[in-house]
C-alpha cells in the first residue's frame, strides 16, 4: 500500500497542496478552520510525514547560508527587570543564538514577559501578530518556574532546567561531565583535598549536577571536606569552613572565593588552588571549565528551527534534552599538571 501524501489530502479537500503543507505545519497564515479540516482529514486517511523528506528539509535549512528572511524567533526573558537577562547576553548564549538565527534566515528578537500591563493573553497576541513560531526561553531567575502560553501555536525550547512547567525540549551544558573533567584535572595536578563551595540556589538551578559529580569523582573518598553550601553566603562562614577542613584547592562558580582567599592572606595558586566550574569566557586567569555557551545558543536555534520545519508544536509528550560538553580553560589559578 502506497504512503498517503499531502497531495492525497489536498485532493480530498479540494485545496492546493501547498495550503495543506502549511496547515500541517500549523502555519498561522492558514485559518484555524482550514487547519482543523486538514488535520482531521490527515488523521482519517492515516497520513504521517515522510521522515526522510523531513530530515532533508532540516538538513537543507541548516546548511544553506545567507537564506532570505524566514521569520522571527523569540528569545524570552522572565526576569523582574528588563535588563536582568543581560548576564546571559554577556556570557555567550545570545551571541551564538543570534549568529545562528541569522545564518538560518531568522531574526532573533528579545521579548520581556513583564512589560507594563502585559498579560498572558496579550503576549500570545503579540507573538501571533509578529508571526513568531519559535520560542527560546533563557534560564529563569528562580528554579521551578511556571509559564502559561498557548503552546499549541509554537515550537519551543528552553535553556537549562529552571523552567519546570511546561516540560519543553531542553538545551543545556553538560554540567556533570564538566565537573568530572575538572576533578580529573585536579588529580593530575597533585591536589588531594579539594573543597567545593556553591550557593544553594545555583546548584539547584542545574539540578544539583555539580555537587553530584563533585562527590562521585572525589579524589580521596576517606577524607573529603563537606560541601560548603550555607544558607547565608558570606566571608565569615567561608573562613570558618576553610580553617576547619583545610582544602588544598577550592572549586566554585564564583570569584567571591578568590576575594575571600585574598582577605585570608592566602596566595593563589601558591598556598591554595582555585578552579571555576563555569568561567563563561570571563577573566583569563581563572582555571576551570568553559561551558561553551555560544555553541549552546547556536544549538538551541538549530533545535527550534528543526521543530518548526517538522511542524512540531505544543508541549512534547517526551521532551528530549541536548547537552553541550564544555572544554578546559588553563588559566593561572592552579598549579601546573
Protein backbone atom coordinates (compact mmCIF):
# COMPACT_ATOMS: atom_id res chain seq x y z
CA UNK A 1 0.00 0.00 0.00
CA UNK A 2 1.43 3.38 -1.01
CA UNK A 3 2.11 6.11 1.57
CA UNK A 4 -0.62 8.74 1.93
CA UNK A 5 0.80 12.05 0.69
CA UNK A 6 0.00 15.72 1.15
CA UNK A 7 -1.43 15.72 -2.39
CA UNK A 8 -3.91 12.99 -1.38
CA UNK A 9 -5.18 15.18 1.46
CA UNK A 10 -5.34 18.19 -0.87
CA UNK A 11 -7.36 16.21 -3.42
CA UNK A 12 -9.84 15.04 -0.77
CA UNK A 13 -10.43 18.60 0.48
CA UNK A 14 -10.17 20.44 -2.84
CA UNK A 15 -7.20 22.50 -1.61
CA UNK A 16 -3.82 23.29 -3.08
CA UNK A 17 -1.07 21.00 -1.77
CA UNK A 18 0.94 23.99 -0.50
CA UNK A 19 -2.03 25.04 1.66
CA UNK A 20 -2.21 21.54 3.13
CA UNK A 21 1.52 21.53 3.77
CA UNK A 22 1.34 24.83 5.64
CA UNK A 23 -1.72 23.73 7.61
CA UNK A 24 0.08 20.57 8.78
CA UNK A 25 2.95 22.77 9.98
CA UNK A 26 0.41 24.86 11.94
CA UNK A 27 1.24 27.92 9.84
CA UNK A 28 -0.74 30.81 11.33
CA UNK A 29 -1.32 32.27 7.85
CA UNK A 30 -3.79 29.43 7.28
CA UNK A 31 -7.11 29.91 9.06
CA UNK A 32 -7.86 27.81 12.13
CA UNK A 33 -10.88 26.31 10.34
CA UNK A 34 -8.80 25.07 7.40
CA UNK A 35 -6.05 23.78 9.73
CA UNK A 36 -8.67 21.77 11.64
CA UNK A 37 -10.10 20.35 8.40
CA UNK A 38 -6.66 19.36 7.15
CA UNK A 39 -5.62 17.71 10.42
CA UNK A 40 -8.91 15.82 10.62
CA UNK A 41 -8.56 14.58 7.05
CA UNK A 42 -4.92 13.63 7.66
CA UNK A 43 -6.00 11.50 10.61
CA UNK A 44 -8.83 9.85 8.65
CA UNK A 45 -6.52 8.98 5.75
CA UNK A 46 -3.73 7.75 8.01
CA UNK A 47 -1.23 10.36 6.88
CA UNK A 48 2.19 10.53 8.55
CA UNK A 49 5.11 12.75 7.49
CA UNK A 50 7.86 11.19 5.40
CA UNK A 51 10.80 11.09 7.85
CA UNK A 52 13.40 11.15 5.06
CA UNK A 53 11.82 14.23 3.50
CA UNK A 54 11.61 15.97 6.89
CA UNK A 55 15.26 15.19 7.54
CA UNK A 56 16.21 16.56 4.13
CA UNK A 57 14.33 19.81 4.79
CA UNK A 58 16.05 20.25 8.15
CA UNK A 59 19.44 19.47 6.58
CA UNK A 60 18.91 21.99 3.81
CA UNK A 61 17.73 24.70 6.19
CA UNK A 62 20.83 24.20 8.33
CA UNK A 63 23.37 24.02 5.52
CA UNK A 64 22.40 26.72 3.05
CA UNK A 65 23.97 30.03 4.13
CA UNK A 66 22.56 33.53 3.68
CA UNK A 67 18.95 32.44 3.26
CA UNK A 68 16.27 35.06 2.72
CA UNK A 69 14.30 36.17 5.75
CA UNK A 70 12.06 33.39 7.06
CA UNK A 71 10.67 34.87 10.24
CA UNK A 72 11.34 35.92 13.83
CA UNK A 73 12.40 33.76 16.74
CA UNK A 74 11.59 34.99 20.25
CA UNK A 75 14.24 34.92 22.98
CA UNK A 76 12.03 35.21 26.05
CA UNK A 77 13.15 36.62 29.39
CA UNK A 78 11.16 36.34 32.60
CA UNK A 79 13.39 38.49 34.86
CA UNK A 80 11.83 41.11 37.15
CA UNK A 81 13.65 43.89 35.27
CA UNK A 82 14.00 44.49 31.55
CA UNK A 83 17.80 44.16 31.66
CA UNK A 84 18.01 41.33 34.19
CA UNK A 85 18.77 38.78 31.50
CA UNK A 86 21.90 40.59 30.27
CA UNK A 87 24.20 38.22 32.16
CA UNK A 88 23.27 35.66 29.50
CA UNK A 89 24.00 38.18 26.77
CA UNK A 90 27.49 38.72 28.19
CA UNK A 91 28.42 35.05 28.60
CA UNK A 92 27.70 34.00 25.04
CA UNK A 93 24.20 32.46 24.80
CA UNK A 94 22.80 35.45 22.94
CA UNK A 95 25.85 35.82 20.69
CA UNK A 96 25.69 32.23 19.49
CA UNK A 97 21.92 32.19 19.14
CA UNK A 98 21.79 35.47 17.18
CA UNK A 99 24.53 34.36 14.84
CA UNK A 100 22.91 31.02 14.07
CA UNK A 101 19.44 32.54 13.65
CA UNK A 102 20.82 34.92 11.04
CA UNK A 103 22.57 32.03 9.30
CA UNK A 104 19.26 30.19 9.01
CA UNK A 105 17.31 33.22 7.82
CA UNK A 106 15.69 34.27 11.10
CA UNK A 107 15.83 37.37 13.26
CA UNK A 108 16.23 36.75 16.99
CA UNK A 109 14.24 39.29 18.98
CA UNK A 110 14.12 39.66 22.77
CA UNK A 111 10.70 39.63 24.46
CA UNK A 112 10.24 40.55 28.12
CA UNK A 113 7.30 38.89 29.87
CA UNK A 114 6.93 41.73 32.38
CA UNK A 115 6.35 44.66 30.06
CA UNK A 116 3.99 47.13 31.83
CA UNK A 117 0.41 45.96 31.51
CA UNK A 118 1.43 42.66 29.89
CA UNK A 119 -0.90 39.68 30.30
CA UNK A 120 -0.59 36.13 29.03
CA UNK A 121 -3.36 36.78 26.51
CA UNK A 122 -1.71 39.98 25.28
CA UNK A 123 1.67 38.25 24.99
CA UNK A 124 0.16 35.48 22.87
CA UNK A 125 -1.46 38.08 20.60
CA UNK A 126 1.86 39.88 20.16
CA UNK A 127 3.68 36.68 19.20
CA UNK A 128 0.98 35.70 16.70
CA UNK A 129 0.84 39.20 15.22
CA UNK A 130 4.60 39.10 14.69
CA UNK A 131 4.26 35.62 13.13
CA UNK A 132 6.67 34.22 15.73
CA UNK A 133 6.68 30.43 15.53
CA UNK A 134 9.78 29.58 17.56
CA UNK A 135 10.36 30.41 21.25
CA UNK A 136 13.63 30.15 23.18
CA UNK A 137 13.48 30.58 26.96
CA UNK A 138 16.65 31.68 28.71
CA UNK A 139 17.23 30.36 32.27
CA UNK A 140 14.66 31.64 34.71
CA UNK A 141 15.61 33.95 37.60
CA UNK A 142 14.43 31.24 40.01
CA UNK A 143 14.17 27.46 39.85
CA UNK A 144 10.79 25.70 39.44
CA UNK A 145 9.32 28.43 37.22
CA UNK A 146 5.92 28.05 35.52
CA UNK A 147 4.88 29.87 32.32
CA UNK A 148 1.49 29.61 30.61
CA UNK A 149 1.11 30.30 26.88
CA UNK A 150 -0.96 28.93 24.01
CA UNK A 151 1.68 26.26 23.47
CA UNK A 152 -0.14 24.60 20.55
CA UNK A 153 0.84 27.61 18.42
CA UNK A 154 4.60 27.40 18.96
CA UNK A 155 7.77 25.35 18.72
CA UNK A 156 9.68 25.98 21.94
CA UNK A 157 12.97 25.13 23.62
CA UNK A 158 14.48 26.14 26.97
CA UNK A 159 18.00 26.78 28.22
CA UNK A 160 18.51 24.69 31.34
CA UNK A 161 16.03 23.08 33.77
CA UNK A 162 14.80 26.15 35.71
CA UNK A 163 11.54 26.24 33.69
CA UNK A 164 9.73 23.17 35.04
CA UNK A 165 6.26 23.78 33.61
CA UNK A 166 5.77 23.02 30.86
CA UNK A 167 8.45 20.39 30.22
CA UNK A 168 9.81 21.65 26.90
CA UNK A 169 12.76 20.39 24.89
CA UNK A 170 15.94 21.49 26.61
CA UNK A 171 19.41 22.55 25.53
CA UNK A 172 21.99 22.85 28.28
CA UNK A 173 25.60 22.47 29.26
CA UNK A 174 26.61 19.01 30.46
CA UNK A 175 27.36 20.24 33.98
CA UNK A 176 28.02 16.75 35.35
CA UNK A 177 30.68 15.92 32.77
CA UNK A 178 32.16 19.40 33.18
CA UNK A 179 32.71 18.84 36.90
CA UNK A 180 34.10 15.36 36.20
CA UNK A 181 36.61 16.93 33.79
CA UNK A 182 37.57 19.48 36.44
CA UNK A 183 38.14 16.82 39.11
CA UNK A 184 40.38 14.82 36.77
CA UNK A 185 42.42 17.97 36.14
CA UNK A 186 42.86 18.49 39.89
CA UNK A 187 44.02 14.92 40.37
CA UNK A 188 46.58 15.28 37.56
CA UNK A 189 47.97 18.38 39.27
CA UNK A 190 48.52 16.60 42.57
CA UNK A 191 45.64 18.03 44.62
CA UNK A 192 44.39 15.64 47.27
CA UNK A 193 41.87 17.54 49.39
CA UNK A 194 39.57 19.63 47.15
CA UNK A 195 36.66 21.52 48.64
CA UNK A 196 33.55 22.67 46.79
CA UNK A 197 31.84 25.98 47.62
CA UNK A 198 28.49 26.72 45.97
CA UNK A 199 25.43 28.83 46.61
CA UNK A 200 22.40 26.54 47.12
CA UNK A 201 20.23 28.32 44.53
CA UNK A 202 22.93 27.91 41.88
CA UNK A 203 23.38 24.17 42.39
CA UNK A 204 19.61 23.74 42.49
CA UNK A 205 19.24 25.65 39.20
CA UNK A 206 21.26 22.95 37.40
CA UNK A 207 19.53 20.01 39.13
CA UNK A 208 22.49 19.60 41.52
CA UNK A 209 24.71 18.18 38.81
CA UNK A 210 27.84 19.92 40.11
CA UNK A 211 27.51 18.65 43.67
CA UNK A 212 26.64 15.15 42.44
CA UNK A 213 29.69 14.98 40.15
CA UNK A 214 31.99 16.50 42.78
CA UNK A 215 31.00 13.78 45.21
CA UNK A 216 31.11 11.00 42.59
CA UNK A 217 34.62 11.97 41.43
CA UNK A 218 36.10 12.95 44.80
CA UNK A 219 39.82 12.29 44.91
CA UNK A 220 40.04 10.96 48.46
CA UNK A 221 36.86 9.05 49.39
CA UNK A 222 38.02 8.79 53.01
CA UNK A 223 38.77 12.47 53.55
CA UNK A 224 36.75 14.96 51.55
CA UNK A 225 35.55 18.24 53.08
CA UNK A 226 31.77 18.59 53.23
CA UNK A 227 30.42 20.84 50.50
CA UNK A 228 30.27 24.48 51.59
CA UNK A 229 26.67 25.37 50.76
CA UNK A 230 25.42 27.64 53.56
CA UNK A 231 22.07 29.38 53.81
CA UNK A 232 23.89 32.68 54.35
CA UNK A 233 26.60 33.11 51.74
CA UNK A 234 29.44 35.21 53.17
CA UNK A 235 33.07 35.55 54.17
CA UNK A 236 32.70 34.64 57.84
CA UNK A 237 31.04 31.28 57.10
CA UNK A 238 33.55 30.50 54.36
CA UNK A 239 36.54 31.32 56.58
CA UNK A 240 35.26 29.02 59.34
CA UNK A 241 34.68 26.18 56.85
CA UNK A 242 38.10 26.66 55.24
CA UNK A 243 40.03 26.77 58.52
CA UNK A 244 38.28 23.63 59.79
CA UNK A 245 38.78 21.48 56.68
CA UNK A 246 41.96 22.98 55.13
CA UNK A 247 41.27 22.18 51.42
CA UNK A 248 44.32 22.44 49.15
CA UNK A 249 42.11 23.71 46.30
CA UNK A 250 38.66 25.32 46.27
CA UNK A 251 36.20 24.64 43.45
CA UNK A 252 33.41 27.17 42.95
CA UNK A 253 31.21 29.01 40.44
CA UNK A 254 32.02 32.48 41.77
CA UNK A 255 35.07 34.69 42.12
CA UNK A 256 33.87 35.61 45.63
CA UNK A 257 36.16 32.78 46.69
CA UNK A 258 39.25 34.45 45.22
CA UNK A 259 38.39 37.66 47.09
CA UNK A 260 37.91 35.80 50.37
CA UNK A 261 41.15 33.84 49.99
CA UNK A 262 42.90 37.18 49.50
CA UNK A 263 41.31 38.52 52.69
CA UNK A 264 42.79 35.49 54.47
CA UNK A 265 46.25 36.43 53.11
CA UNK A 266 46.45 33.21 51.07
CA UNK A 267 48.21 33.24 47.70
CA UNK A 268 46.64 31.57 44.67
CA UNK A 269 47.90 29.11 43.47
CA UNK A 270 50.98 29.03 45.75
CA UNK A 271 49.11 28.44 49.04
CA UNK A 272 45.80 27.14 47.74
CA UNK A 273 44.40 26.46 44.27
CA UNK A 274 41.16 27.75 42.78
CA UNK A 275 39.10 26.20 39.94
CA UNK A 276 35.93 27.69 38.49
CA UNK A 277 33.08 25.43 37.41
CA UNK A 278 31.88 27.77 34.64
CA UNK A 279 34.23 30.54 33.54
CA UNK A 280 31.90 31.67 30.71
CA UNK A 281 34.73 33.34 28.82
CA UNK A 282 35.44 35.52 31.88
CA UNK A 283 38.83 36.56 33.27
CA UNK A 284 41.57 34.61 31.54
CA UNK A 285 43.39 33.99 34.82
CA UNK A 286 40.70 31.65 36.22
CA UNK A 287 41.44 27.97 35.62
CA UNK A 288 38.38 25.83 35.03
CA UNK A 289 35.60 24.75 32.69
CA UNK A 290 34.36 26.91 29.82
CA UNK A 291 30.82 25.68 29.23
CA UNK A 292 30.84 26.65 25.54
CA UNK A 293 27.84 28.95 25.81
CA UNK A 294 27.99 30.27 22.25
CA UNK A 295 27.60 26.71 21.00
CA UNK A 296 24.69 26.20 23.41
CA UNK A 297 22.99 29.27 21.89
CA UNK A 298 23.62 28.01 18.35
CA UNK A 299 22.29 24.57 19.26
CA UNK A 300 19.08 25.97 20.76
CA UNK A 301 18.36 27.81 17.50
CA UNK A 302 19.10 24.68 15.44
CA UNK A 303 16.71 22.66 17.61
CA UNK A 304 13.81 25.12 17.45
CA UNK A 305 14.19 25.74 13.69
CA UNK A 306 14.21 21.99 13.06
CA UNK A 307 11.00 21.73 15.09
CA UNK A 308 9.41 24.50 13.00
CA UNK A 309 10.41 22.72 9.80
CA UNK A 310 8.88 19.45 11.02
CA UNK A 311 5.68 21.14 12.19
CA UNK A 312 6.30 20.19 15.84
CA UNK A 313 4.20 22.46 18.05
CA UNK A 314 2.79 22.28 21.56
CA UNK A 315 4.25 20.57 24.64
CA UNK A 316 6.10 17.37 23.69
CA UNK A 317 4.92 14.09 25.17
CA UNK A 318 8.53 13.00 25.67
CA UNK A 319 10.74 16.11 25.87
CA UNK A 320 14.32 15.46 24.83
CA UNK A 321 17.47 17.13 26.12
CA UNK A 322 20.53 18.13 24.10
CA UNK A 323 23.68 18.63 26.19
CA UNK A 324 26.78 20.50 25.06
CA UNK A 325 30.13 19.48 26.53
CA UNK A 326 32.45 22.26 27.72
CA UNK A 327 36.23 22.40 27.47
CA UNK A 328 39.14 23.06 29.80
CA UNK A 329 40.50 26.59 30.20
CA UNK A 330 44.02 26.59 31.62
CA UNK A 331 44.28 29.92 33.44
CA UNK A 332 46.75 30.61 36.25
CA UNK A 333 44.85 29.76 39.46
CA UNK A 334 46.02 26.13 39.62
CA UNK A 335 49.49 24.68 39.73
CA UNK A 336 50.75 23.10 36.54
CA UNK A 337 49.92 19.50 35.73
